[in-house]
Each structure stands twice: as structure tokens, then as C-alpha cells.
Amino acid sequence: MTKGRGLLLFPVLLIALMLGGTASAQTAGDNSVYFVTYFSNGNTQGAPDAALRLVNDGGVSTTEIEGVPNGNLYASIYILDDGQVLQECCNCKVSADGLLSESLDKNLTSNTLTGRLETSRGILKVISGTNPDPTNNVLAPGLRGTMAHIQATSNMPEQGPFFVTETPIADSNLTAGEKTALEQLCAFTITLGSGYGICSCTPEDHDF
């Protein structure tokens, strides 16, 4: 091979390596199925409402049947108060490329197991799956989300002015034990609550 040909082939090989590296990175993706975050100042007088927003990235959708909607995912949502007690759980559908907006005050903490609406702080957990049942999740990646946080300027009691921040819900590791515990606690909550302990879903692509 002459020196001239070697110099000509070098940029071609470099471009091929770059494209190959990009393809590998794109196919890797993010297979997270479990997310956690916190909420604060819920159901607090003078404080704005917080929002949990979830999107379906469309990764599980297909085009096998033209014109037939597919690729639905379901968000199993679990709400624990600051005493680490599961107060509500539910399962909401998010279609491919869809947006789900859940109000903290109206959807997620208004029907607590104990019947008390004072749940002002706690933990939210979300499992991404293909089964519309929060007591029996079939795991599937594709949900992504953010949570608005209401920050008070003074505590005990919480007083305004209040500020709103919004952050991604954190990717977390879902162990078999955690999955089973959440599903069983949700089943107990639904059974024992007799209508209480079940959160509600805002219609998809609508704000509350």
C-alpha cells in the first residue's frame, strides 16, 4: 500500500469506528424499571400542588399492525408517608409517547388508607411494567418521569412563601424482595382499606 492510499483510508476507518461506537451506545439504552422520589408540603395551606409527571418513551411500541395502538406501559405508584407506612397505591396506563400528570394533593394523597389528608411528606415509588395491576407487576422499561417539590421557607409549621423545584425521579435498583413487599403491601391496603388506600389517575395527556 502506498503512503497516499494509507492517508486516504485513515479518515474512512475513523468514521466507521465513530459510527460503530455510536450504534453501540444507542442500542444500550436505559433499562430502568424502578424509580423513587420524595414529596413535601402536600395538603399544606397556602402551598401550591405538586405534580408527578410520567412519559412513555415508546421503546416497547411496534408497527406489526398498521394503525393499531400498542406499546402501552403501566405505572404502579406507591405512596408512603413519613412514618414509612404505605398509604395509597394504584396503577395508571401510559400509552406510547403519552404523558401522565398526577396531582399530589388530588390524585396521590387524597384517599389515604387511614382516611387522613394530612400526609404532607413522604416517599413515592414507581414501577414500570406491562400489567395493569400494582399487586402483580410484569416489569418492562420505558417510563421516565419528574417530580415537582414544594419547598417551604420555614418549617414546623411549614410556612411560605413556597418555592417549586422539579427533578427527575431517581433510577433505583428493584430487588425481588422490594418488588414482592410493595405488591403485598398494596394488596393488603386495597383489601383492608375497603375503598381507601387507592390513588387515582388523571386521564392521559390531560393536566389536573
N, C-alpha and C. Protein backbone atom coordinates (compact mmCIF):
# COMPACT_ATOMS: atom_id res chain seq x y z
N MET A 1 0.85 -1.20 0.00
CA MET A 1 0.00 0.00 0.00
C MET A 1 0.88 1.24 0.00
N THR A 2 0.59 2.20 -0.85
CA THR A 2 1.37 3.42 -0.89
C THR A 2 0.99 4.34 0.25
N LYS A 3 1.87 5.29 0.53
CA LYS A 3 1.62 6.23 1.62
C LYS A 3 0.34 7.03 1.36
N GLY A 4 0.11 7.40 0.09
CA GLY A 4 -1.07 8.18 -0.25
C GLY A 4 -2.36 7.44 0.03
N ARG A 5 -2.38 6.14 -0.31
CA ARG A 5 -3.59 5.35 -0.07
C ARG A 5 -3.83 5.17 1.43
N GLY A 6 -2.72 5.00 2.18
CA GLY A 6 -2.87 4.86 3.63
C GLY A 6 -3.49 6.09 4.25
N LEU A 7 -3.06 7.27 3.80
CA LEU A 7 -3.62 8.52 4.32
C LEU A 7 -5.08 8.67 3.94
N LEU A 8 -5.45 8.15 2.77
CA LEU A 8 -6.84 8.24 2.31
C LEU A 8 -7.75 7.31 3.11
N LEU A 9 -7.27 6.13 3.45
CA LEU A 9 -8.09 5.16 4.17
C LEU A 9 -8.26 5.52 5.65
N PHE A 10 -7.31 6.27 6.21
CA PHE A 10 -7.35 6.56 7.64
C PHE A 10 -8.65 7.27 8.06
N PRO A 11 -9.04 8.36 7.36
CA PRO A 11 -10.30 9.01 7.78
C PRO A 11 -11.53 8.14 7.57
N VAL A 12 -11.50 7.26 6.56
CA VAL A 12 -12.63 6.34 6.34
C VAL A 12 -12.77 5.38 7.52
N LEU A 13 -11.65 4.82 7.98
CA LEU A 13 -11.68 3.92 9.13
C LEU A 13 -12.12 4.65 10.39
N LEU A 14 -11.66 5.88 10.55
CA LEU A 14 -12.03 6.67 11.72
C LEU A 14 -13.53 6.92 11.77
N ILE A 15 -14.11 7.26 10.61
CA ILE A 15 -15.56 7.49 10.56
C ILE A 15 -16.32 6.20 10.86
N ALA A 16 -15.84 5.07 10.33
CA ALA A 16 -16.50 3.79 10.58
C ALA A 16 -16.48 3.45 12.06
N LEU A 17 -15.34 3.69 12.72
CA LEU A 17 -15.26 3.43 14.15
C LEU A 17 -16.19 4.32 14.94
N MET A 18 -16.28 5.58 14.53
CA MET A 18 -17.17 6.51 15.23
C MET A 18 -18.62 6.09 15.07
N LEU A 19 -19.01 5.70 13.88
CA LEU A 19 -20.40 5.26 13.65
C LEU A 19 -20.68 3.99 14.41
N GLY A 20 -19.74 3.07 14.44
CA GLY A 20 -19.93 1.83 15.19
C GLY A 20 -20.08 2.08 16.66
N GLY A 21 -19.28 3.02 17.19
CA GLY A 21 -19.38 3.35 18.60
C GLY A 21 -20.71 3.99 18.93
N THR A 22 -21.20 4.85 18.03
CA THR A 22 -22.49 5.49 18.24
C THR A 22 -23.62 4.48 18.24
N ALA A 23 -23.58 3.52 17.32
CA ALA A 23 -24.62 2.50 17.24
C ALA A 23 -24.66 1.68 18.52
N SER A 24 -23.50 1.32 19.05
CA SER A 24 -23.45 0.53 20.27
C SER A 24 -24.06 1.30 21.43
N ALA A 25 -23.74 2.61 21.50
CA ALA A 25 -24.28 3.42 22.59
C ALA A 25 -25.79 3.54 22.48
N GLN A 26 -26.32 3.67 21.26
CA GLN A 26 -27.75 3.82 21.08
C GLN A 26 -28.51 2.55 21.43
N THR A 27 -27.94 1.41 21.16
CA THR A 27 -28.65 0.16 21.44
C THR A 27 -28.58 -0.22 22.91
N ALA A 28 -27.66 0.41 23.67
CA ALA A 28 -27.54 0.06 25.08
C ALA A 28 -28.78 0.50 25.85
N GLY A 29 -29.18 1.78 25.69
CA GLY A 29 -30.40 2.28 26.31
C GLY A 29 -30.34 2.27 27.82
N ASP A 30 -31.48 2.57 28.44
CA ASP A 30 -31.61 2.58 29.89
C ASP A 30 -32.77 1.66 30.24
N ASN A 31 -32.46 0.56 30.87
CA ASN A 31 -33.49 -0.45 31.15
C ASN A 31 -34.07 -0.33 32.55
N SER A 32 -34.08 0.87 33.10
CA SER A 32 -34.61 1.07 34.45
C SER A 32 -36.12 0.79 34.48
N VAL A 33 -36.55 0.14 35.55
CA VAL A 33 -37.98 -0.15 35.73
C VAL A 33 -38.49 0.36 37.08
N TYR A 34 -37.61 0.95 37.89
CA TYR A 34 -37.96 1.30 39.26
C TYR A 34 -37.42 2.69 39.58
N PHE A 35 -38.28 3.55 40.13
CA PHE A 35 -37.90 4.93 40.38
C PHE A 35 -38.43 5.36 41.75
N VAL A 36 -37.67 6.20 42.43
CA VAL A 36 -38.11 6.71 43.73
C VAL A 36 -37.89 8.21 43.79
N THR A 37 -38.68 8.89 44.60
CA THR A 37 -38.51 10.30 44.86
C THR A 37 -39.22 10.63 46.17
N TYR A 38 -39.15 11.88 46.57
CA TYR A 38 -39.84 12.30 47.80
C TYR A 38 -40.87 13.35 47.44
N PHE A 39 -41.78 13.60 48.39
CA PHE A 39 -42.68 14.73 48.26
C PHE A 39 -42.70 15.48 49.59
N SER A 40 -43.03 16.75 49.52
CA SER A 40 -43.05 17.58 50.72
C SER A 40 -44.13 18.63 50.61
N ASN A 41 -44.62 19.06 51.77
CA ASN A 41 -45.63 20.12 51.86
C ASN A 41 -46.88 19.82 51.05
N GLY A 42 -47.26 18.56 51.02
CA GLY A 42 -48.53 18.18 50.41
C GLY A 42 -49.68 18.55 51.32
N ASN A 43 -50.82 18.90 50.74
CA ASN A 43 -52.01 19.25 51.51
C ASN A 43 -51.70 20.31 52.57
N THR A 44 -50.86 21.26 52.21
CA THR A 44 -50.44 22.32 53.13
C THR A 44 -51.08 23.64 52.71
N GLN A 45 -51.73 24.30 53.66
CA GLN A 45 -52.43 25.55 53.35
C GLN A 45 -51.46 26.59 52.80
N GLY A 46 -51.82 27.18 51.69
CA GLY A 46 -51.01 28.21 51.08
C GLY A 46 -49.94 27.69 50.14
N ALA A 47 -49.73 26.37 50.11
CA ALA A 47 -48.69 25.79 49.26
C ALA A 47 -49.28 25.36 47.93
N PRO A 48 -48.55 25.53 46.83
CA PRO A 48 -49.04 25.02 45.54
C PRO A 48 -49.03 23.50 45.52
N ASP A 49 -49.79 22.93 44.60
CA ASP A 49 -49.85 21.49 44.45
C ASP A 49 -48.60 21.00 43.70
N ALA A 50 -48.15 19.81 44.03
CA ALA A 50 -47.01 19.21 43.33
C ALA A 50 -47.53 18.27 42.24
N ALA A 51 -46.65 17.92 41.30
CA ALA A 51 -47.06 17.05 40.19
C ALA A 51 -46.02 15.98 39.95
N LEU A 52 -46.50 14.75 39.80
CA LEU A 52 -45.68 13.65 39.29
C LEU A 52 -46.02 13.52 37.82
N ARG A 53 -45.01 13.63 36.95
CA ARG A 53 -45.23 13.51 35.51
C ARG A 53 -44.44 12.33 34.97
N LEU A 54 -45.14 11.47 34.23
CA LEU A 54 -44.52 10.27 33.67
C LEU A 54 -44.75 10.24 32.16
N VAL A 55 -43.72 9.87 31.41
CA VAL A 55 -43.86 9.71 29.96
C VAL A 55 -43.45 8.29 29.58
N ASN A 56 -44.05 7.80 28.52
CA ASN A 56 -43.70 6.51 27.93
C ASN A 56 -42.80 6.79 26.73
N ASP A 57 -41.53 6.36 26.79
CA ASP A 57 -40.59 6.72 25.73
C ASP A 57 -40.85 6.02 24.41
N GLY A 58 -41.83 5.12 24.36
CA GLY A 58 -42.21 4.48 23.10
C GLY A 58 -41.36 3.30 22.71
N GLY A 59 -40.41 2.92 23.57
CA GLY A 59 -39.48 1.86 23.21
C GLY A 59 -40.11 0.49 23.05
N VAL A 60 -41.27 0.25 23.68
CA VAL A 60 -41.89 -1.07 23.57
C VAL A 60 -42.98 -1.11 22.51
N SER A 61 -43.18 0.00 21.80
CA SER A 61 -44.20 0.02 20.75
C SER A 61 -43.67 -0.70 19.51
N THR A 62 -44.58 -1.20 18.71
CA THR A 62 -44.22 -1.91 17.48
C THR A 62 -45.07 -1.39 16.33
N THR A 63 -44.74 -1.81 15.12
CA THR A 63 -45.54 -1.43 13.95
C THR A 63 -46.02 -2.67 13.20
N GLU A 64 -46.23 -3.76 13.95
CA GLU A 64 -46.64 -5.01 13.31
C GLU A 64 -48.00 -4.88 12.65
N ILE A 65 -48.94 -4.16 13.30
CA ILE A 65 -50.27 -3.98 12.74
C ILE A 65 -50.49 -2.50 12.53
N GLU A 66 -50.56 -2.08 11.30
CA GLU A 66 -50.65 -0.66 10.97
C GLU A 66 -51.93 -0.05 11.53
N GLY A 67 -51.77 1.05 12.25
CA GLY A 67 -52.92 1.78 12.76
C GLY A 67 -53.49 1.28 14.06
N VAL A 68 -52.93 0.23 14.64
CA VAL A 68 -53.43 -0.30 15.91
C VAL A 68 -52.53 0.19 17.04
N PRO A 69 -53.10 0.93 18.01
CA PRO A 69 -52.28 1.43 19.12
C PRO A 69 -51.64 0.27 19.88
N ASN A 70 -50.40 0.43 20.24
CA ASN A 70 -49.72 -0.60 21.02
C ASN A 70 -48.58 0.04 21.79
N GLY A 71 -47.88 -0.73 22.54
CA GLY A 71 -46.76 -0.22 23.32
C GLY A 71 -47.17 0.41 24.63
N ASN A 72 -48.35 0.06 25.16
CA ASN A 72 -48.78 0.62 26.44
C ASN A 72 -47.87 0.16 27.57
N LEU A 73 -47.62 1.06 28.49
CA LEU A 73 -46.95 0.72 29.74
C LEU A 73 -47.86 1.13 30.89
N TYR A 74 -47.62 0.55 32.06
CA TYR A 74 -48.41 0.87 33.24
C TYR A 74 -47.48 1.27 34.37
N ALA A 75 -47.84 2.35 35.02
CA ALA A 75 -47.07 2.84 36.16
C ALA A 75 -47.75 2.41 37.44
N SER A 76 -47.10 1.52 38.17
CA SER A 76 -47.58 1.16 39.51
C SER A 76 -46.97 2.18 40.48
N ILE A 77 -47.83 2.91 41.17
CA ILE A 77 -47.40 4.01 42.03
C ILE A 77 -47.70 3.65 43.48
N TYR A 78 -46.71 3.84 44.34
CA TYR A 78 -46.83 3.53 45.76
C TYR A 78 -46.46 4.77 46.56
N ILE A 79 -47.34 5.18 47.48
CA ILE A 79 -47.14 6.39 48.26
C ILE A 79 -46.99 6.01 49.72
N LEU A 80 -45.83 6.33 50.30
CA LEU A 80 -45.57 6.06 51.70
C LEU A 80 -45.45 7.38 52.46
N ASP A 81 -46.04 7.44 53.67
CA ASP A 81 -45.93 8.67 54.45
C ASP A 81 -44.58 8.71 55.16
N ASP A 82 -44.36 9.77 55.95
CA ASP A 82 -43.06 9.92 56.61
C ASP A 82 -42.87 8.96 57.77
N GLY A 83 -43.90 8.15 58.06
CA GLY A 83 -43.76 7.08 59.04
C GLY A 83 -43.47 5.74 58.37
N GLN A 84 -43.19 5.79 57.05
CA GLN A 84 -42.83 4.62 56.25
C GLN A 84 -43.98 3.63 56.12
N VAL A 85 -45.21 4.16 56.17
CA VAL A 85 -46.40 3.34 56.03
C VAL A 85 -46.99 3.57 54.64
N LEU A 86 -47.29 2.50 53.92
CA LEU A 86 -47.93 2.64 52.61
C LEU A 86 -49.35 3.16 52.81
N GLN A 87 -49.63 4.33 52.24
CA GLN A 87 -50.93 4.96 52.41
C GLN A 87 -51.84 4.78 51.18
N GLU A 88 -51.22 4.75 49.98
CA GLU A 88 -52.02 4.58 48.77
C GLU A 88 -51.18 3.87 47.71
N CYS A 89 -51.87 3.19 46.81
CA CYS A 89 -51.22 2.59 45.65
C CYS A 89 -52.24 2.54 44.51
N CYS A 90 -51.74 2.53 43.29
CA CYS A 90 -52.62 2.44 42.12
C CYS A 90 -51.77 2.12 40.90
N ASN A 91 -52.44 1.93 39.77
CA ASN A 91 -51.77 1.59 38.53
C ASN A 91 -52.39 2.42 37.42
N CYS A 92 -51.56 3.18 36.68
CA CYS A 92 -52.05 4.09 35.66
C CYS A 92 -51.43 3.76 34.30
N LYS A 93 -52.25 3.78 33.26
CA LYS A 93 -51.76 3.48 31.91
C LYS A 93 -51.10 4.70 31.29
N VAL A 94 -49.98 4.44 30.58
CA VAL A 94 -49.31 5.48 29.80
C VAL A 94 -49.02 4.87 28.43
N SER A 95 -49.73 5.31 27.40
CA SER A 95 -49.54 4.76 26.07
C SER A 95 -48.24 5.27 25.47
N ALA A 96 -47.83 4.67 24.36
CA ALA A 96 -46.57 5.04 23.73
C ALA A 96 -46.55 6.54 23.42
N ASP A 97 -45.50 7.21 23.87
CA ASP A 97 -45.32 8.65 23.71
C ASP A 97 -46.37 9.45 24.46
N GLY A 98 -47.03 8.83 25.41
CA GLY A 98 -48.05 9.52 26.20
C GLY A 98 -47.47 10.20 27.42
N LEU A 99 -48.27 11.10 28.01
CA LEU A 99 -47.88 11.85 29.20
C LEU A 99 -48.94 11.67 30.27
N LEU A 100 -48.50 11.32 31.47
CA LEU A 100 -49.39 11.18 32.62
C LEU A 100 -48.99 12.22 33.65
N SER A 101 -49.94 13.04 34.09
CA SER A 101 -49.69 14.08 35.10
C SER A 101 -50.57 13.79 36.31
N GLU A 102 -49.93 13.53 37.43
CA GLU A 102 -50.66 13.19 38.64
C GLU A 102 -50.49 14.28 39.70
N SER A 103 -51.62 14.74 40.23
CA SER A 103 -51.60 15.73 41.30
C SER A 103 -51.29 15.05 42.63
N LEU A 104 -50.34 15.61 43.38
CA LEU A 104 -50.03 15.04 44.70
C LEU A 104 -51.23 15.15 45.62
N ASP A 105 -51.86 16.31 45.65
CA ASP A 105 -52.98 16.53 46.58
C ASP A 105 -54.26 15.83 46.14
N LYS A 106 -54.54 15.87 44.82
CA LYS A 106 -55.83 15.36 44.35
C LYS A 106 -55.82 13.88 43.98
N ASN A 107 -54.70 13.38 43.46
CA ASN A 107 -54.65 12.00 42.98
C ASN A 107 -53.93 11.04 43.92
N LEU A 108 -52.88 11.51 44.56
CA LEU A 108 -51.96 10.59 45.23
C LEU A 108 -52.07 10.56 46.76
N THR A 109 -52.65 11.59 47.35
CA THR A 109 -52.75 11.59 48.83
C THR A 109 -54.12 12.00 49.33
N SER A 110 -55.14 11.91 48.49
CA SER A 110 -56.48 12.35 48.90
C SER A 110 -57.36 11.20 49.37
N ASN A 111 -56.86 9.97 49.29
CA ASN A 111 -57.68 8.80 49.65
C ASN A 111 -56.82 7.81 50.45
N THR A 112 -56.16 8.32 51.47
CA THR A 112 -55.20 7.50 52.22
C THR A 112 -55.89 6.37 52.98
N LEU A 113 -55.10 5.36 53.28
CA LEU A 113 -55.61 4.19 54.00
C LEU A 113 -56.20 4.58 55.34
N THR A 114 -55.56 5.53 56.02
CA THR A 114 -56.02 5.94 57.34
C THR A 114 -57.16 6.96 57.27
N GLY A 115 -57.46 7.45 56.05
CA GLY A 115 -58.53 8.43 55.92
C GLY A 115 -58.11 9.83 56.31
N ARG A 116 -56.82 10.05 56.58
CA ARG A 116 -56.31 11.35 56.96
C ARG A 116 -55.68 12.02 55.74
N LEU A 117 -55.94 13.30 55.59
CA LEU A 117 -55.42 14.04 54.45
C LEU A 117 -54.19 14.86 54.81
N GLU A 118 -53.65 14.66 56.02
CA GLU A 118 -52.52 15.47 56.47
C GLU A 118 -51.19 14.96 55.96
N THR A 119 -51.20 13.94 55.11
CA THR A 119 -49.94 13.39 54.59
C THR A 119 -49.21 14.48 53.82
N SER A 120 -48.25 15.12 54.46
CA SER A 120 -47.60 16.27 53.84
C SER A 120 -46.21 15.94 53.31
N ARG A 121 -45.63 14.84 53.75
CA ARG A 121 -44.30 14.48 53.26
C ARG A 121 -44.16 12.96 53.25
N GLY A 122 -43.32 12.48 52.36
CA GLY A 122 -43.13 11.03 52.30
C GLY A 122 -42.36 10.64 51.06
N ILE A 123 -42.58 9.41 50.64
CA ILE A 123 -41.83 8.81 49.54
C ILE A 123 -42.79 8.32 48.46
N LEU A 124 -42.41 8.52 47.20
CA LEU A 124 -43.14 7.96 46.06
C LEU A 124 -42.26 6.94 45.36
N LYS A 125 -42.83 5.79 45.04
CA LYS A 125 -42.11 4.75 44.30
C LYS A 125 -42.93 4.38 43.07
N VAL A 126 -42.25 4.19 41.94
CA VAL A 126 -42.92 3.88 40.67
C VAL A 126 -42.25 2.68 40.04
N ILE A 127 -43.06 1.71 39.62
CA ILE A 127 -42.57 0.54 38.88
C ILE A 127 -43.16 0.58 37.47
N SER A 128 -42.30 0.41 36.48
CA SER A 128 -42.71 0.40 35.07
C SER A 128 -42.96 -1.03 34.62
N GLY A 129 -44.12 -1.28 34.00
CA GLY A 129 -44.44 -2.64 33.58
C GLY A 129 -45.52 -2.69 32.52
N THR A 130 -45.94 -3.91 32.18
CA THR A 130 -46.95 -4.10 31.14
C THR A 130 -48.25 -4.67 31.68
N ASN A 131 -48.36 -4.82 32.99
CA ASN A 131 -49.56 -5.40 33.59
C ASN A 131 -50.30 -4.33 34.40
N PRO A 132 -51.60 -4.13 34.16
CA PRO A 132 -52.35 -3.10 34.88
C PRO A 132 -52.76 -3.54 36.28
N ASP A 133 -51.80 -3.97 37.07
CA ASP A 133 -52.09 -4.48 38.41
C ASP A 133 -50.91 -4.17 39.32
N PRO A 134 -51.06 -3.25 40.28
CA PRO A 134 -49.94 -2.89 41.17
C PRO A 134 -49.58 -3.98 42.16
N THR A 135 -50.37 -5.05 42.21
CA THR A 135 -50.05 -6.15 43.10
C THR A 135 -49.38 -7.31 42.37
N ASN A 136 -49.15 -7.15 41.05
CA ASN A 136 -48.53 -8.22 40.26
C ASN A 136 -47.88 -7.61 39.02
N ASN A 137 -46.75 -6.97 39.22
CA ASN A 137 -46.09 -6.25 38.13
C ASN A 137 -45.36 -7.21 37.17
N VAL A 138 -45.50 -6.94 35.87
CA VAL A 138 -44.70 -7.59 34.84
C VAL A 138 -43.74 -6.52 34.33
N LEU A 139 -42.49 -6.59 34.72
CA LEU A 139 -41.54 -5.50 34.52
C LEU A 139 -41.24 -5.25 33.05
N ALA A 140 -41.17 -3.96 32.68
CA ALA A 140 -40.79 -3.56 31.33
C ALA A 140 -40.30 -2.12 31.40
N PRO A 141 -39.13 -1.82 30.84
CA PRO A 141 -38.61 -0.45 30.88
C PRO A 141 -39.34 0.45 29.89
N GLY A 142 -39.21 1.74 30.09
CA GLY A 142 -39.79 2.69 29.14
C GLY A 142 -40.40 3.92 29.77
N LEU A 143 -40.71 3.87 31.07
CA LEU A 143 -41.25 5.05 31.72
C LEU A 143 -40.11 5.96 32.19
N ARG A 144 -40.31 7.25 32.05
CA ARG A 144 -39.40 8.26 32.57
C ARG A 144 -40.25 9.32 33.24
N GLY A 145 -39.70 10.01 34.24
CA GLY A 145 -40.55 10.96 34.93
C GLY A 145 -39.82 12.01 35.72
N THR A 146 -40.59 12.99 36.17
CA THR A 146 -40.10 14.05 37.04
C THR A 146 -41.10 14.25 38.18
N MET A 147 -40.62 14.88 39.25
CA MET A 147 -41.48 15.21 40.39
C MET A 147 -41.23 16.65 40.78
N ALA A 148 -42.32 17.40 40.95
CA ALA A 148 -42.21 18.76 41.46
C ALA A 148 -42.14 18.70 42.98
N HIS A 149 -41.26 19.49 43.56
CA HIS A 149 -41.08 19.54 45.01
C HIS A 149 -41.43 20.94 45.51
N ILE A 150 -42.24 20.98 46.55
CA ILE A 150 -42.67 22.24 47.13
C ILE A 150 -41.81 22.52 48.35
N GLN A 151 -41.03 23.59 48.27
CA GLN A 151 -40.08 23.93 49.33
C GLN A 151 -40.61 25.10 50.15
N ALA A 152 -40.72 24.89 51.47
CA ALA A 152 -41.15 25.96 52.36
C ALA A 152 -39.94 26.79 52.79
N THR A 153 -40.18 28.04 53.17
CA THR A 153 -39.09 28.89 53.63
C THR A 153 -38.93 28.85 55.14
N SER A 154 -39.87 28.20 55.83
CA SER A 154 -39.72 27.96 57.26
C SER A 154 -40.43 26.66 57.60
N ASN A 155 -39.96 25.99 58.62
CA ASN A 155 -40.51 24.69 58.99
C ASN A 155 -41.10 24.71 60.40
N MET A 156 -42.01 23.74 60.61
CA MET A 156 -42.61 23.46 61.94
C MET A 156 -43.25 24.71 62.55
N PRO A 157 -44.41 25.16 62.09
CA PRO A 157 -45.11 24.60 60.92
C PRO A 157 -44.55 25.16 59.61
N GLU A 158 -44.83 24.45 58.52
CA GLU A 158 -44.36 24.89 57.22
C GLU A 158 -45.09 26.17 56.81
N GLN A 159 -44.33 27.15 56.43
CA GLN A 159 -44.91 28.43 56.05
C GLN A 159 -44.24 28.94 54.78
N GLY A 160 -45.00 29.75 54.03
CA GLY A 160 -44.48 30.31 52.80
C GLY A 160 -43.71 31.58 53.03
N PRO A 161 -43.25 32.19 51.94
CA PRO A 161 -43.56 31.77 50.58
C PRO A 161 -42.95 30.43 50.22
N PHE A 162 -43.63 29.71 49.30
CA PHE A 162 -43.18 28.39 48.87
C PHE A 162 -42.53 28.48 47.51
N PHE A 163 -41.54 27.66 47.30
CA PHE A 163 -40.84 27.60 46.02
C PHE A 163 -40.99 26.22 45.42
N VAL A 164 -41.03 26.16 44.09
CA VAL A 164 -41.22 24.89 43.38
C VAL A 164 -39.96 24.54 42.62
N THR A 165 -39.45 23.33 42.84
CA THR A 165 -38.36 22.78 42.04
C THR A 165 -38.86 21.49 41.39
N GLU A 166 -38.24 21.08 40.31
CA GLU A 166 -38.64 19.86 39.62
C GLU A 166 -37.39 19.08 39.22
N THR A 167 -37.36 17.81 39.59
CA THR A 167 -36.19 16.97 39.32
C THR A 167 -36.63 15.62 38.77
N PRO A 168 -35.76 14.93 38.02
CA PRO A 168 -36.09 13.58 37.56
C PRO A 168 -36.27 12.64 38.75
N ILE A 169 -37.22 11.73 38.65
CA ILE A 169 -37.32 10.69 39.67
C ILE A 169 -36.12 9.76 39.51
N ALA A 170 -35.57 9.31 40.61
CA ALA A 170 -34.27 8.63 40.60
C ALA A 170 -34.38 7.17 40.19
N ASP A 171 -33.54 6.76 39.22
CA ASP A 171 -33.41 5.35 38.87
C ASP A 171 -32.92 4.59 40.10
N SER A 172 -33.53 3.47 40.39
CA SER A 172 -33.16 2.70 41.57
C SER A 172 -33.10 1.22 41.22
N ASN A 173 -32.53 0.44 42.11
CA ASN A 173 -32.40 -1.00 41.90
C ASN A 173 -33.58 -1.71 42.53
N LEU A 174 -34.34 -2.41 41.73
CA LEU A 174 -35.51 -3.15 42.22
C LEU A 174 -35.10 -4.59 42.51
N THR A 175 -34.99 -4.91 43.79
CA THR A 175 -34.70 -6.29 44.17
C THR A 175 -35.99 -7.10 44.19
N ALA A 176 -35.85 -8.41 44.16
CA ALA A 176 -37.02 -9.28 44.21
C ALA A 176 -37.79 -9.06 45.51
N GLY A 177 -37.05 -8.86 46.60
CA GLY A 177 -37.69 -8.64 47.89
C GLY A 177 -38.48 -7.35 47.94
N GLU A 178 -37.93 -6.27 47.36
CA GLU A 178 -38.63 -4.99 47.34
C GLU A 178 -39.87 -5.08 46.46
N LYS A 179 -39.77 -5.71 45.32
CA LYS A 179 -40.92 -5.87 44.42
C LYS A 179 -42.05 -6.62 45.14
N THR A 180 -41.71 -7.73 45.78
CA THR A 180 -42.71 -8.53 46.48
C THR A 180 -43.33 -7.76 47.63
N ALA A 181 -42.50 -7.03 48.38
CA ALA A 181 -43.01 -6.27 49.53
C ALA A 181 -44.00 -5.20 49.09
N LEU A 182 -43.67 -4.45 48.03
CA LEU A 182 -44.57 -3.41 47.56
C LEU A 182 -45.89 -4.00 47.05
N GLU A 183 -45.80 -5.10 46.32
CA GLU A 183 -47.02 -5.73 45.80
C GLU A 183 -47.90 -6.26 46.92
N GLN A 184 -47.30 -6.88 47.92
CA GLN A 184 -48.08 -7.42 49.03
C GLN A 184 -48.69 -6.31 49.88
N LEU A 185 -47.90 -5.27 50.16
CA LEU A 185 -48.43 -4.15 50.93
C LEU A 185 -49.58 -3.48 50.19
N CYS A 186 -49.46 -3.37 48.88
CA CYS A 186 -50.54 -2.78 48.09
C CYS A 186 -51.79 -3.66 48.15
N ALA A 187 -51.60 -4.96 48.05
CA ALA A 187 -52.75 -5.88 48.13
C ALA A 187 -53.45 -5.76 49.48
N PHE A 188 -52.67 -5.70 50.56
CA PHE A 188 -53.25 -5.55 51.90
C PHE A 188 -53.99 -4.22 52.01
N THR A 189 -53.39 -3.17 51.47
CA THR A 189 -54.00 -1.83 51.55
C THR A 189 -55.34 -1.81 50.83
N ILE A 190 -55.39 -2.39 49.63
CA ILE A 190 -56.64 -2.42 48.86
C ILE A 190 -57.70 -3.24 49.59
N THR A 191 -57.28 -4.38 50.15
CA THR A 191 -58.23 -5.27 50.83
C THR A 191 -58.73 -4.66 52.13
N LEU A 192 -57.81 -4.16 52.95
CA LEU A 192 -58.18 -3.65 54.27
C LEU A 192 -58.83 -2.27 54.18
N GLY A 193 -58.51 -1.52 53.13
CA GLY A 193 -59.00 -0.15 53.05
C GLY A 193 -60.46 -0.03 52.69
N SER A 194 -61.04 -1.05 52.10
CA SER A 194 -62.46 -1.01 51.70
C SER A 194 -62.78 0.26 50.92
N GLY A 195 -61.93 0.56 49.94
CA GLY A 195 -62.13 1.76 49.12
C GLY A 195 -61.11 2.84 49.40
N TYR A 196 -60.58 2.86 50.61
CA TYR A 196 -59.50 3.77 50.93
C TYR A 196 -58.16 3.14 50.53
N GLY A 197 -57.15 3.97 50.38
CA GLY A 197 -55.82 3.46 50.07
C GLY A 197 -55.56 3.25 48.59
N ILE A 198 -56.48 3.70 47.74
CA ILE A 198 -56.30 3.56 46.28
C ILE A 198 -56.20 4.95 45.67
N CYS A 199 -55.06 5.25 45.06
CA CYS A 199 -54.91 6.55 44.41
C CYS A 199 -55.63 6.54 43.07
N SER A 200 -55.75 7.70 42.45
CA SER A 200 -56.49 7.83 41.20
C SER A 200 -55.58 8.30 40.08
N CYS A 201 -56.05 8.15 38.84
CA CYS A 201 -55.26 8.50 37.66
C CYS A 201 -55.93 9.63 36.89
N THR A 202 -55.19 10.69 36.63
CA THR A 202 -55.67 11.73 35.72
C THR A 202 -55.69 11.17 34.30
N PRO A 203 -56.70 11.49 33.49
CA PRO A 203 -56.69 10.99 32.11
C PRO A 203 -55.39 11.36 31.41
N GLU A 204 -54.90 10.44 30.61
CA GLU A 204 -53.62 10.64 29.91
C GLU A 204 -53.66 11.88 29.03
N ASP A 205 -52.52 12.57 28.98
CA ASP A 205 -52.36 13.78 28.17
C ASP A 205 -53.29 14.92 28.60
N HIS A 206 -53.78 14.85 29.84
CA HIS A 206 -54.53 15.94 30.44
C HIS A 206 -53.79 16.37 31.71
N ASP A 207 -53.85 17.66 32.01
CA ASP A 207 -53.31 18.12 33.27
C ASP A 207 -54.43 18.09 34.29
N PHE A 208 -54.05 18.05 35.54
CA PHE A 208 -55.05 18.05 36.59
C PHE A 208 -55.47 19.47 36.84
